[in-house]
Protein backbone atom coordinates (compact mmCIF):
# COMPACT_ATOMS: atom_id res chain seq x y z
CA MET A 1 0.00 0.00 0.00
CA PRO A 2 1.58 3.33 -1.05
CA THR A 3 2.25 5.98 1.52
CA TRP A 4 1.07 9.56 1.17
CA ARG A 5 4.62 10.75 0.69
CA ARG A 6 5.05 8.53 -2.38
CA ILE A 7 1.71 9.65 -3.82
CA ALA A 8 2.63 13.33 -3.30
CA TRP A 9 6.06 12.81 -4.90
CA PHE A 10 4.51 11.08 -7.93
CA ALA A 11 1.96 13.89 -8.36
CA CYS A 12 4.65 16.58 -8.15
CA ALA A 13 6.95 14.73 -10.55
CA ARG A 14 4.12 14.27 -13.06
CA PHE A 15 3.11 17.93 -12.92
CA SER A 16 6.68 19.13 -13.27
CA LEU A 17 7.14 16.87 -16.31
CA VAL A 18 3.98 18.30 -17.89
CA LEU A 19 5.15 21.86 -17.20
CA ALA A 20 8.55 21.10 -18.71
CA ARG A 21 7.28 19.11 -21.69
CA TYR A 22 4.57 21.37 -23.13
CA PRO A 23 6.72 24.52 -23.57
CA LEU A 24 9.51 22.48 -25.13
CA GLU A 25 7.13 20.76 -27.55
CA ALA A 26 5.26 23.94 -28.47
CA GLY A 27 8.38 26.03 -29.03
CA THR A 28 10.26 23.49 -31.12
CA CYS A 29 7.15 22.55 -33.10
CA ALA A 30 6.45 26.20 -33.98
CA VAL A 31 10.00 26.71 -35.23
CA MET A 32 10.61 23.36 -36.96
CA PHE A 33 7.25 22.42 -38.45
CA PHE A 34 5.38 25.69 -38.97
CA GLY A 35 8.15 28.05 -40.11
CA GLY A 36 8.20 30.37 -37.14
CA SER A 37 11.16 32.42 -36.01
CA TRP A 38 12.86 31.99 -32.65
CA SER A 39 10.71 34.74 -31.17
CA ASP A 40 7.64 32.81 -32.36
CA GLY A 41 9.09 29.74 -30.67
CA PHE A 42 9.42 31.72 -27.43
CA ALA A 43 5.80 32.87 -27.69
CA ALA A 44 4.65 29.30 -28.43
CA ALA A 45 6.65 28.06 -25.43
CA ALA A 46 4.89 30.61 -23.22
CA CYS A 47 1.55 29.42 -24.60
CA GLY A 48 2.66 25.83 -23.97
CA LEU A 49 3.47 26.65 -20.35
CA LEU A 50 0.02 28.19 -19.94
CA THR A 51 -1.49 25.10 -21.57
CA GLY A 52 0.27 22.84 -19.07
CA VAL A 53 -0.90 24.94 -16.11
CA LEU A 54 -4.49 24.89 -17.40
CA GLN A 55 -4.36 21.14 -17.90
CA ILE A 56 -3.17 20.61 -14.33
CA LEU A 57 -5.85 22.93 -12.95
CA CYS A 58 -8.61 21.31 -14.99
CA GLU A 59 -7.52 17.83 -13.90
CA GLN A 60 -7.84 18.93 -10.28
CA VAL A 61 -11.45 20.01 -10.82
CA GLY A 62 -12.51 16.58 -12.03
CA GLU A 63 -15.03 15.66 -14.72
CA VAL A 64 -16.18 19.23 -15.33
CA GLY A 65 -12.59 20.33 -15.99
CA SER A 66 -11.93 17.52 -18.44
CA VAL A 67 -14.95 18.55 -20.51
CA GLY A 68 -13.98 22.21 -20.79
CA ILE A 69 -10.22 21.87 -21.07
CA ASP A 70 -10.15 22.19 -24.88
CA MET A 71 -12.16 25.39 -24.71
CA PHE A 72 -10.02 26.88 -21.93
CA VAL A 73 -6.78 26.05 -23.72
CA GLY A 74 -8.04 27.43 -27.05
CA ILE A 75 -9.16 30.69 -25.47
CA ALA A 76 -5.97 31.10 -23.44
CA THR A 77 -3.73 30.35 -26.44
CA GLY A 78 -5.65 32.81 -28.59
CA MET A 79 -5.42 35.53 -25.97
CA LEU A 80 -1.73 35.03 -25.21
CA GLY A 81 -0.86 34.72 -28.92
CA GLY A 82 -2.78 37.93 -29.62
CA PHE A 83 -0.88 39.62 -26.79
CA PHE A 84 2.45 38.62 -28.30
CA TYR A 85 1.24 39.81 -31.72
CA SER A 86 0.23 43.24 -30.46
CA MET A 87 3.36 43.66 -28.33
CA ASP A 88 6.26 45.61 -29.80
CA TYR A 89 8.80 43.29 -28.19
CA PHE A 90 9.56 41.41 -31.40
CA SER A 91 11.67 42.97 -34.13
CA GLU A 92 9.26 41.57 -36.70
CA SER A 93 5.59 40.86 -36.21
CA ALA A 94 4.81 37.50 -34.68
CA CYS A 95 3.50 34.74 -36.92
CA LEU A 96 0.23 33.78 -35.26
CA SER A 97 -0.25 30.61 -37.26
CA SER A 98 3.08 29.16 -36.10
CA ILE A 99 2.36 30.13 -32.49
CA PHE A 100 -1.15 28.67 -32.51
CA LEU A 101 -0.35 25.54 -34.48
CA GLY A 102 2.86 24.91 -32.53
CA THR A 103 0.96 25.04 -29.26
CA LEU A 104 -2.25 23.30 -30.24
CA TYR A 105 -0.69 20.58 -32.40
CA TRP A 106 0.52 18.61 -29.40
CA PHE A 107 -2.36 19.44 -27.14
CA PHE A 108 -5.42 18.80 -29.30
CA TYR A 109 -5.01 16.40 -32.15
CA GLY A 110 -1.36 15.45 -32.39
CA THR A 111 -2.09 11.76 -31.97
CA ALA A 112 -4.88 11.79 -34.56
CA PHE A 113 -2.61 13.55 -37.04
CA VAL A 114 0.20 11.03 -36.57
CA ILE A 115 -2.23 8.12 -36.88
CA GLY A 116 -3.60 9.70 -40.07
CA LEU A 117 -0.10 9.90 -41.53
CA LEU A 118 0.61 6.30 -40.55
CA GLU A 119 -2.61 5.19 -42.23
CA ILE A 120 -1.63 7.03 -45.41
CA ILE A 121 1.78 5.34 -45.36
CA ALA A 122 0.15 1.95 -44.78
CA GLY A 123 -2.06 2.42 -47.84
CA GLU A 124 -5.35 3.29 -46.12
CA LEU A 125 -5.68 6.51 -48.08
CA VAL A 126 -9.34 7.30 -47.46
CA THR A 127 -9.13 6.89 -43.69
CA GLY A 128 -5.76 8.61 -43.39
CA VAL A 129 -6.65 11.61 -45.54
CA THR A 130 -10.01 12.00 -43.80
CA ARG A 131 -8.39 11.93 -40.35
CA SER A 132 -5.66 14.37 -41.42
CA LEU A 133 -8.12 16.82 -42.99
CA LEU A 134 -10.36 16.70 -39.92
CA TYR A 135 -7.33 17.49 -37.78
CA CYS A 136 -6.28 20.45 -39.93
CA LEU A 137 -9.81 21.80 -40.13
CA ALA A 138 -10.36 21.49 -36.37
CA VAL A 139 -7.10 23.23 -35.47
CA CYS A 140 -7.68 26.05 -37.97
CA LEU A 141 -11.23 26.62 -36.76
CA VAL A 142 -10.19 26.65 -33.12
CA CYS A 143 -7.40 29.12 -33.86
CA LEU A 144 -9.68 31.41 -35.86
CA VAL A 145 -12.50 31.34 -33.34
CA PHE A 146 -10.40 31.97 -30.26
CA ALA A 147 -7.97 34.50 -31.77
């Protein structure tokens, strides 16, 4: 039977891994896959950190938090990305599509997109293309609505 100290350590280790993983994934994905600059990668990493914090908070709420987590993350990413766009900190204007897609790729439909690509490679073209198009459409709509 686990002790409370072990349970608390596991919870803290899991949360710290989430808070370290999401900014790293969002920042590198924005730069490597979506053609963003390094400043866009920084903005996507900040959005990724906010995404990790929101995920932890929504998991603490329970079932209600797990239902609304996509909406909260989409709104928060849109607001923070818009803040970075309107800020004069960057030497060039921020690329919102690389910030949004870099952040939301891993959080929303990253698994569905990878499975769609694997299905295309395996020869299941109809299923793979349908899954990939649904992913792209969903991410673009979420970014446009919440921006």
